[in-house]
Amino acid sequence: MKYYGALEAGGTKMVLAVMDENGETVRQESIPTKTPEETMPEMLAFFRAYTITGMGIGGFGPLNLDRSSPEYGHIMETPKLPWRHFPLLQAFRDGLGVPVGLDTDVNAAALAEARLGAAKGKESCLYVTVGTGVGGGVIIHGKPVHGLLHPEIGHITVAPVPQDPMPGGICPYHAHCLEGLASGPAIEKRWGISGRQLPPEHPAWEIESAYLAQLCANAMLTFSPEMIILGGGVMQQKFLLPRIREKTLKLLNGYIAHPAVSEGLEHYIVTPGLDTRSGITGAWLLAREAENEQ
């Protein structure tokens, strides 16, 4: 039996798993994200306890994913200052001596949903996590999209909702960006209370669904994914998804003539098929691909 290392590297916590060749989890732990000097030895010790043949990382970013760059595999201008310009990929290659695959955390989750989850069998999809931040991974022709850097879905500009009492948002980089207006911290800043404590009838959810509907409509009109998958802590509010679908249809106003739209989006804008396992499963897929590339 082969074993693979999988890491979902977040700004708050690191989720570490050893998984077998069938994707079954042998061991999993979460540790706080401290400085690289504190966190890396702990992570390497976890994976060294097993004979792994490949390592996969879905990491917080921005990440340098340009294989021709001397900084390939580095974390770039992250607000997590101790990790800025840290050579994440090389640190695991040197520390474990196995092939290592790296992509953004949301691209990893999108890959898992495309291969094994809600979008299985489709050539394209968009996976978006709405939680502490907002991030998105795009799959086209079965592969994650990389370009100048990688998609930064959370920082697209959206139109402020007229009834929003905080129309500028909380992003330190951009006014009116999706993350600054629709993330969990934005909800809490706007209303002075966590979204988890707000009832379904609270006006927060009309505003939230309006921003996420703009995301969905814009995605459909730009790169036209075959499915949109919305995950993350904010989307645990199950009543939110029907409101997003309804508002997306209103924004599109009949422009996209396709059965997936005309039938009401119930099977088009969906929640993750892998539930909360999308990210770590994607890291496992990256590990397997890295091994196969050797």
Protein backbone atom coordinates (compact mmCIF):
# COMPACT_ATOMS: atom_id res chain seq x y z
CA MET A 1 0.00 0.00 0.00
CA LYS A 2 1.30 3.44 -0.95
CA TYR A 3 0.94 6.46 1.30
CA TYR A 4 0.77 10.13 0.36
CA GLY A 5 1.11 13.32 2.35
CA ALA A 6 -1.61 15.94 1.97
CA LEU A 7 -1.54 19.44 3.40
CA GLU A 8 -4.27 22.06 3.40
CA ALA A 9 -2.19 25.07 4.40
CA GLY A 10 -4.29 27.88 5.81
CA GLY A 11 -3.42 31.21 7.33
CA THR A 12 -4.97 30.13 10.65
CA LYS A 13 -4.38 26.38 10.72
CA MET A 14 -2.59 23.63 8.86
CA VAL A 15 -4.57 20.46 8.14
CA LEU A 16 -2.18 17.53 7.70
CA ALA A 17 -3.17 14.09 6.47
CA VAL A 18 -1.58 10.85 5.40
CA MET A 19 -3.79 9.08 2.87
CA ASP A 20 -3.49 5.78 1.06
CA GLU A 21 -3.64 5.20 -2.68
CA ASN A 22 -7.43 4.90 -2.52
CA GLY A 23 -7.82 8.26 -0.85
CA GLU A 24 -8.63 6.82 2.57
CA THR A 25 -7.27 8.83 5.49
CA VAL A 26 -4.75 6.99 7.65
CA ARG A 27 -4.08 9.89 10.01
CA GLN A 28 -5.13 13.52 10.16
CA GLU A 29 -4.26 16.40 12.47
CA SER A 30 -4.66 20.17 12.58
CA ILE A 31 -2.04 22.50 14.02
CA PRO A 32 -1.98 26.31 14.34
CA THR A 33 -0.21 28.29 11.64
CA LYS A 34 2.62 30.00 13.50
CA THR A 35 5.90 31.12 11.95
CA PRO A 36 7.70 28.90 9.42
CA GLU A 37 10.44 28.28 12.02
CA GLU A 38 7.84 26.91 14.43
CA THR A 39 5.43 25.21 12.06
CA MET A 40 7.65 23.53 9.46
CA PRO A 41 9.48 21.16 11.88
CA GLU A 42 6.14 20.03 13.31
CA MET A 43 4.70 19.34 9.86
CA LEU A 44 7.78 17.52 8.61
CA ALA A 45 7.80 15.31 11.70
CA PHE A 46 4.17 14.38 11.05
CA PHE A 47 4.87 13.21 7.50
CA ARG A 48 8.22 11.58 8.30
CA ALA A 49 6.40 9.13 10.56
CA TYR A 50 5.19 7.42 7.37
CA THR A 51 6.91 6.28 4.21
CA ILE A 52 5.15 8.55 1.76
CA THR A 53 5.82 8.47 -1.97
CA GLY A 54 4.47 11.92 -2.79
CA MET A 55 3.36 15.12 -1.11
CA GLY A 56 0.57 17.50 -2.14
CA ILE A 57 -0.06 21.01 -0.85
CA GLY A 58 -3.09 23.24 -1.29
CA GLY A 59 -1.77 26.49 0.15
CA PHE A 60 -2.88 29.95 1.10
CA GLY A 61 -1.46 32.58 -1.16
CA PRO A 62 -0.74 34.37 -3.26
CA LEU A 63 1.60 31.66 -4.55
CA ASN A 64 4.18 31.77 -7.32
CA LEU A 65 3.10 28.91 -9.60
CA ASP A 66 5.28 29.84 -12.58
CA ARG A 67 7.59 26.85 -13.03
CA SER A 68 10.09 28.98 -14.97
CA SER A 69 10.45 31.48 -12.11
CA PRO A 70 13.32 31.27 -9.60
CA GLU A 71 10.66 31.87 -6.93
CA TYR A 72 8.43 29.00 -8.08
CA GLY A 73 6.72 27.51 -5.05
CA HIS A 74 7.18 30.60 -2.86
CA ILE A 75 4.39 32.25 -0.93
CA MET A 76 4.23 35.82 -2.21
CA GLU A 77 2.72 39.02 -0.75
CA THR A 78 0.62 37.37 1.91
CA PRO A 79 -0.75 39.37 4.85
CA LYS A 80 0.64 36.51 6.98
CA LEU A 81 3.96 38.38 7.24
CA PRO A 82 6.26 35.63 8.62
CA TRP A 83 5.38 33.50 5.58
CA ARG A 84 5.98 36.21 2.97
CA HIS A 85 8.39 34.88 0.29
CA PHE A 86 8.78 31.59 2.15
CA PRO A 87 9.87 28.75 -0.25
CA LEU A 88 7.06 26.38 0.72
CA LEU A 89 7.51 23.89 -2.11
CA GLN A 90 11.28 23.60 -1.70
CA ALA A 91 11.02 23.29 2.08
CA PHE A 92 8.93 20.13 1.68
CA ARG A 93 11.06 18.76 -1.15
CA ASP A 94 14.20 19.18 0.93
CA GLY A 95 12.59 18.02 4.14
CA LEU A 96 10.89 14.89 2.83
CA GLY A 97 12.86 13.94 -0.29
CA VAL A 98 9.73 13.08 -2.30
CA PRO A 99 7.96 14.69 -5.28
CA VAL A 100 5.79 17.60 -4.15
CA GLY A 101 2.77 19.08 -5.93
CA LEU A 102 1.59 22.58 -5.08
CA ASP A 103 -1.40 24.72 -5.95
CA THR A 104 -3.65 27.19 -4.18
CA ASP A 105 -5.98 25.82 -1.54
CA VAL A 106 -9.02 26.71 -3.63
CA ASN A 107 -7.55 25.26 -6.83
CA ALA A 108 -6.89 22.04 -4.93
CA ALA A 109 -10.48 21.98 -3.69
CA ALA A 110 -11.76 22.75 -7.20
CA LEU A 111 -9.67 19.90 -8.60
CA ALA A 112 -11.13 17.47 -6.06
CA GLU A 113 -14.68 18.58 -6.82
CA ALA A 114 -14.03 18.22 -10.56
CA ARG A 115 -12.49 14.76 -10.30
CA LEU A 116 -14.41 13.21 -7.42
CA GLY A 117 -17.10 15.59 -6.19
CA ALA A 118 -20.05 17.64 -7.39
CA ALA A 119 -18.56 18.39 -10.84
CA LYS A 120 -17.29 14.86 -11.54
CA GLY A 121 -17.46 14.18 -15.27
CA LYS A 122 -17.48 17.84 -16.24
CA GLU A 123 -14.69 19.64 -18.08
CA SER A 124 -15.02 22.90 -16.17
CA CYS A 125 -16.20 24.29 -12.86
CA LEU A 126 -15.74 27.14 -10.42
CA TYR A 127 -15.21 26.35 -6.74
CA VAL A 128 -15.56 29.26 -4.31
CA THR A 129 -15.05 29.20 -0.57
CA VAL A 130 -16.82 31.91 1.43
CA GLY A 131 -15.49 32.07 4.96
CA THR A 132 -12.71 33.98 6.70
CA GLY A 133 -11.81 35.11 3.20
CA VAL A 134 -13.28 34.52 -0.24
CA GLY A 135 -11.26 32.54 -2.76
CA GLY A 136 -11.98 30.68 -5.95
CA GLY A 137 -10.44 27.93 -8.01
CA VAL A 138 -11.20 27.55 -11.70
CA ILE A 139 -11.02 24.27 -13.62
CA ILE A 140 -10.98 24.43 -17.43
CA HIS A 141 -10.50 21.30 -19.57
CA GLY A 142 -9.99 19.33 -16.37
CA LYS A 143 -7.05 21.40 -15.11
CA PRO A 144 -6.67 24.31 -12.67
CA VAL A 145 -6.27 27.68 -14.35
CA HIS A 146 -2.98 29.53 -13.85
CA GLY A 147 -2.07 32.74 -15.62
CA LEU A 148 -0.01 35.71 -14.56
CA LEU A 149 -0.49 34.33 -11.06
CA HIS A 150 -3.73 32.49 -10.34
CA PRO A 151 -7.36 33.61 -10.20
CA GLU A 152 -8.15 35.92 -7.27
CA ILE A 153 -11.92 35.54 -7.30
CA GLY A 154 -12.27 37.11 -3.87
CA HIS A 155 -11.01 40.44 -5.12
CA ILE A 156 -13.27 40.99 -8.11
CA THR A 157 -15.22 44.25 -7.95
CA VAL A 158 -18.93 43.99 -7.25
CA ALA A 159 -21.56 46.72 -7.18
CA PRO A 160 -22.52 47.78 -3.64
CA VAL A 161 -26.05 46.78 -2.67
CA PRO A 162 -28.15 49.93 -2.02
CA GLN A 163 -29.30 48.77 1.44
CA ASP A 164 -25.78 47.81 2.57
CA PRO A 165 -24.79 49.87 5.64
CA MET A 166 -21.11 49.14 4.89
CA PRO A 167 -20.82 49.54 1.11
CA GLY A 168 -17.05 50.05 1.04
CA GLY A 169 -16.29 46.69 2.62
CA ILE A 170 -13.32 45.80 4.82
CA CYS A 171 -10.63 44.83 2.32
CA PRO A 172 -7.40 46.80 2.95
CA TYR A 173 -6.58 46.68 -0.78
CA HIS A 174 -9.86 47.34 -2.61
CA ALA A 175 -13.15 49.06 -1.91
CA HIS A 176 -16.16 47.12 -3.21
CA CYS A 177 -14.38 43.77 -3.64
CA LEU A 178 -16.21 40.52 -3.01
CA GLU A 179 -14.10 39.43 -0.04
CA GLY A 180 -14.38 42.84 1.60
CA LEU A 181 -18.16 42.73 1.31
CA ALA A 182 -19.16 39.05 1.57
CA SER A 183 -16.61 37.26 3.78
CA GLY A 184 -17.43 36.07 7.28
CA PRO A 185 -15.48 38.96 8.90
CA ALA A 186 -17.33 41.44 6.66
CA ILE A 187 -20.67 40.12 7.88
CA GLU A 188 -19.52 40.38 11.49
CA LYS A 189 -18.10 43.88 11.02
CA ARG A 190 -21.29 45.08 9.34
CA TRP A 191 -23.68 43.77 11.98
CA GLY A 192 -21.52 43.46 15.10
CA ILE A 193 -22.27 39.76 15.43
CA SER A 194 -21.12 36.53 13.77
CA GLY A 195 -23.14 35.33 10.82
CA ARG A 196 -23.66 32.03 12.64
CA GLN A 197 -25.81 33.92 15.15
CA LEU A 198 -27.96 35.77 12.63
CA PRO A 199 -31.41 34.29 11.92
CA PRO A 200 -32.54 33.51 8.35
CA GLU A 201 -34.85 36.54 8.25
CA HIS A 202 -32.06 39.00 9.10
CA PRO A 203 -31.33 41.56 6.32
CA ALA A 204 -27.72 40.37 6.32
CA TRP A 205 -28.66 37.43 4.12
CA GLU A 206 -30.39 39.49 1.45
CA ILE A 207 -27.20 41.54 1.15
CA GLU A 208 -24.93 38.46 1.24
CA SER A 209 -26.91 36.59 -1.39
CA ALA A 210 -26.90 39.67 -3.64
CA TYR A 211 -23.10 39.84 -3.61
CA LEU A 212 -22.67 36.12 -4.21
CA ALA A 213 -25.23 36.26 -7.03
CA GLN A 214 -23.09 38.92 -8.72
CA LEU A 215 -20.14 36.54 -8.48
CA CYS A 216 -22.13 33.70 -10.05
CA ALA A 217 -23.56 35.82 -12.86
CA ASN A 218 -20.16 37.33 -13.66
CA ALA A 219 -18.56 33.87 -13.76
CA MET A 220 -21.26 32.56 -16.08
CA LEU A 221 -20.81 35.51 -18.41
CA THR A 222 -17.00 35.42 -18.50
CA PHE A 223 -15.60 31.87 -18.54
CA SER A 224 -18.92 29.98 -18.51
CA PRO A 225 -18.14 27.09 -16.12
CA GLU A 226 -20.31 23.99 -16.35
CA MET A 227 -20.96 24.19 -12.60
CA ILE A 228 -20.49 26.64 -9.73
CA ILE A 229 -19.74 25.15 -6.32
CA LEU A 230 -20.06 27.34 -3.23
CA GLY A 231 -18.42 26.15 -0.01
CA GLY A 232 -16.90 27.54 3.16
CA GLY A 233 -18.27 28.47 6.55
CA VAL A 234 -20.72 31.15 5.39
CA MET A 235 -22.36 28.67 3.02
CA GLN A 236 -23.22 26.43 5.98
CA GLN A 237 -26.34 28.62 6.17
CA LYS A 238 -28.43 26.27 4.04
CA PHE A 239 -31.14 28.84 3.34
CA LEU A 240 -28.60 31.02 1.50
CA LEU A 241 -28.21 28.92 -1.66
CA PRO A 242 -31.79 29.27 -2.99
CA ARG A 243 -31.56 33.05 -2.54
CA ILE A 244 -28.30 33.16 -4.50
CA ARG A 245 -29.84 31.15 -7.34
CA GLU A 246 -32.90 33.40 -7.45
CA LYS A 247 -30.85 36.59 -7.56
CA THR A 248 -28.48 35.15 -10.17
CA LEU A 249 -31.41 34.43 -12.46
CA LYS A 250 -32.66 38.00 -12.03
CA LEU A 251 -29.23 39.40 -12.90
CA LEU A 252 -28.97 37.22 -16.01
CA ASN A 253 -32.49 38.30 -17.08
CA GLY A 254 -32.87 35.49 -19.59
CA TYR A 255 -29.63 36.25 -21.42
CA ILE A 256 -28.09 32.76 -21.15
CA ALA A 257 -30.28 30.32 -23.07
CA HIS A 258 -29.31 26.96 -21.64
CA PRO A 259 -31.33 24.28 -19.82
CA ALA A 260 -29.03 24.54 -16.80
CA VAL A 261 -30.30 28.11 -16.41
CA SER A 262 -33.88 27.79 -17.58
CA GLU A 263 -34.47 24.88 -15.20
CA GLY A 264 -33.69 27.11 -12.22
CA LEU A 265 -29.99 26.55 -11.36
CA GLU A 266 -30.74 23.89 -8.72
CA HIS A 267 -28.18 21.59 -10.32
CA TYR A 268 -25.84 24.36 -11.46
CA ILE A 269 -25.08 26.43 -8.35
CA VAL A 270 -24.49 23.79 -5.70
CA THR A 271 -22.63 22.99 -2.49
CA PRO A 272 -19.49 20.78 -2.47
CA GLY A 273 -19.97 17.11 -3.16
CA LEU A 274 -17.06 16.30 -0.84
CA ASP A 275 -18.43 18.49 1.96
CA THR A 276 -15.49 19.77 4.04
CA ARG A 277 -13.03 17.27 2.48
CA SER A 278 -12.54 19.07 -0.84
CA GLY A 279 -9.27 20.79 0.12
CA ILE A 280 -7.46 17.86 1.68
CA THR A 281 -8.66 15.52 -1.09
CA GLY A 282 -7.32 17.97 -3.66
CA ALA A 283 -3.94 17.96 -1.90
CA TRP A 284 -3.94 14.15 -2.14
CA LEU A 285 -4.61 14.41 -5.90
CA LEU A 286 -1.70 16.87 -6.24
CA ALA A 287 0.56 14.39 -4.43
CA ARG A 288 -0.40 11.61 -6.82
CA GLU A 289 0.16 13.84 -9.86
CA ALA A 290 3.57 14.91 -8.53
CA GLU A 291 4.59 11.27 -8.13
CA ASN A 292 3.43 10.46 -11.66
CA GLU A 293 5.40 13.36 -13.13
CA GLN A 294 8.71 11.94 -11.87
